[in-house]
């Protein structure tokens, strides 16, 4: 196989959960190959660099191999070399109330507002 549609490869490499989601991302301009926005029908070849705004965040991949069927996670990782930037650190979640402790009192609400900076 010399080339393959971008949407099929993105699904086989498990970047998107389904081919239709990969097509929608391509049509919305969220997928770029070699720094050019592409449609879902664009031919992908080994050695191309794929930039995609996937559900898990920005993904930068170097295509090593092509596959048109959805692969197992271990085999899917062999299709590309991941060059993605490190993920953005998440903000710590505010303290959660103990389950079953009832509604917060007025003092509790004021303390939460101070904690949030309101």
Protein backbone atom coordinates (compact mmCIF):
# COMPACT_ATOMS: atom_id res chain seq x y z
CA UNK A 1 0.00 0.00 0.00
CA UNK A 2 1.57 3.26 -1.18
CA UNK A 3 -0.98 5.80 0.08
CA UNK A 4 -4.15 5.90 2.13
CA UNK A 5 -6.96 8.33 2.95
CA UNK A 6 -6.19 10.47 5.99
CA UNK A 7 -9.48 9.73 7.76
CA UNK A 8 -8.97 5.96 7.49
CA UNK A 9 -5.44 6.18 8.88
CA UNK A 10 -6.48 8.44 11.78
CA UNK A 11 -9.11 5.89 12.78
CA UNK A 12 -6.73 2.91 12.35
CA UNK A 13 -4.08 4.66 14.47
CA UNK A 14 -6.70 5.32 17.18
CA UNK A 15 -6.33 9.10 17.10
CA UNK A 16 -10.11 9.39 16.67
CA UNK A 17 -12.69 6.88 17.87
CA UNK A 18 -14.38 6.54 14.50
CA UNK A 19 -13.81 7.37 10.87
CA UNK A 20 -16.76 9.77 10.85
CA UNK A 21 -15.17 11.79 13.69
CA UNK A 22 -11.91 11.88 11.73
CA UNK A 23 -13.80 13.11 8.65
CA UNK A 24 -15.50 15.86 10.65
CA UNK A 25 -12.14 16.98 12.07
CA UNK A 26 -10.63 17.12 8.57
CA UNK A 27 -13.58 19.08 7.18
CA UNK A 28 -13.39 21.54 10.09
CA UNK A 29 -9.70 22.20 9.37
CA UNK A 30 -8.37 20.48 12.52
CA UNK A 31 -6.04 18.14 10.61
CA UNK A 32 -2.89 19.31 8.81
CA UNK A 33 -0.35 17.29 6.85
CA UNK A 34 3.10 18.74 6.28
CA UNK A 35 1.76 22.09 7.57
CA UNK A 36 -1.16 22.23 5.08
CA UNK A 37 -4.83 21.78 5.99
CA UNK A 38 -6.31 18.75 4.25
CA UNK A 39 -9.65 17.17 3.49
CA UNK A 40 -10.56 13.64 4.56
CA UNK A 41 -9.80 12.25 1.10
CA UNK A 42 -6.20 13.50 1.03
CA UNK A 43 -3.63 10.77 0.30
CA UNK A 44 -1.32 10.07 3.23
CA UNK A 45 2.11 8.49 2.73
CA UNK A 46 4.77 7.15 5.07
CA UNK A 47 7.07 9.96 6.16
CA UNK A 48 4.33 12.62 6.32
CA UNK A 49 3.90 14.71 9.45
CA UNK A 50 0.32 14.90 10.76
CA UNK A 51 -0.92 17.64 13.09
CA UNK A 52 -4.39 16.97 14.52
CA UNK A 53 -6.53 18.65 17.13
CA UNK A 54 -7.79 15.37 18.62
CA UNK A 55 -10.08 14.94 21.63
CA UNK A 56 -7.02 14.40 23.84
CA UNK A 57 -5.40 17.64 22.63
CA UNK A 58 -2.84 18.62 20.00
CA UNK A 59 -1.21 15.57 18.42
CA UNK A 60 1.90 15.72 16.21
CA UNK A 61 2.72 12.42 14.50
CA UNK A 62 5.28 11.19 12.01
CA UNK A 63 3.72 8.46 9.85
CA UNK A 64 5.84 5.29 9.87
CA UNK A 65 3.40 2.79 8.35
CA UNK A 66 -0.07 2.70 6.80
CA UNK A 67 -3.08 0.63 7.85
CA UNK A 68 -6.70 0.95 6.78
CA UNK A 69 -8.33 -1.21 9.47
CA UNK A 70 -8.63 -0.22 13.13
CA UNK A 71 -5.69 -1.70 15.03
CA UNK A 72 -5.19 -2.85 18.60
CA UNK A 73 -3.60 -0.13 20.77
CA UNK A 74 -0.18 -1.82 20.69
CA UNK A 75 -0.18 -2.19 16.90
CA UNK A 76 -1.60 1.30 16.41
CA UNK A 77 1.40 2.83 18.22
CA UNK A 78 3.69 1.17 15.66
CA UNK A 79 2.05 3.19 12.85
CA UNK A 80 3.49 6.51 14.01
CA UNK A 81 6.16 8.28 16.03
CA UNK A 82 4.60 10.63 18.55
CA UNK A 83 6.13 14.12 18.52
CA UNK A 84 3.34 15.80 20.47
CA UNK A 85 4.13 18.56 22.96
CA UNK A 86 3.62 17.64 26.63
CA UNK A 87 0.03 18.06 27.81
CA UNK A 88 -0.99 21.22 29.63
CA UNK A 89 -1.06 20.61 33.41
CA UNK A 90 -4.55 20.51 34.85
CA UNK A 91 -5.72 22.86 37.55
CA UNK A 92 -6.23 21.15 40.90
CA UNK A 93 -9.90 20.56 41.61
CA UNK A 94 -11.43 22.37 44.56
CA UNK A 95 -12.08 20.41 47.74
CA UNK A 96 -15.14 18.23 47.45
CA UNK A 97 -17.71 17.87 50.19
CA UNK A 98 -18.16 14.52 51.83
CA UNK A 99 -21.03 12.58 50.34
CA UNK A 100 -24.15 12.65 52.52
CA UNK A 101 -23.04 15.69 54.54
CA UNK A 102 -26.12 17.69 53.52
CA UNK A 103 -26.40 21.12 52.01
CA UNK A 104 -23.58 23.61 52.63
CA UNK A 105 -24.26 26.21 55.28
CA UNK A 106 -23.92 29.92 54.69
CA UNK A 107 -20.48 29.85 56.31
CA UNK A 108 -19.47 26.95 54.03
CA UNK A 109 -20.60 28.89 50.95
CA UNK A 110 -18.62 31.97 52.04
CA UNK A 111 -15.51 29.84 52.64
CA UNK A 112 -15.84 28.30 49.17
CA UNK A 113 -16.23 31.76 47.63
CA UNK A 114 -13.04 32.92 49.39
CA UNK A 115 -11.23 29.81 48.18
CA UNK A 116 -12.30 30.49 44.59
CA UNK A 117 -11.29 34.13 44.87
CA UNK A 118 -14.79 35.54 44.42
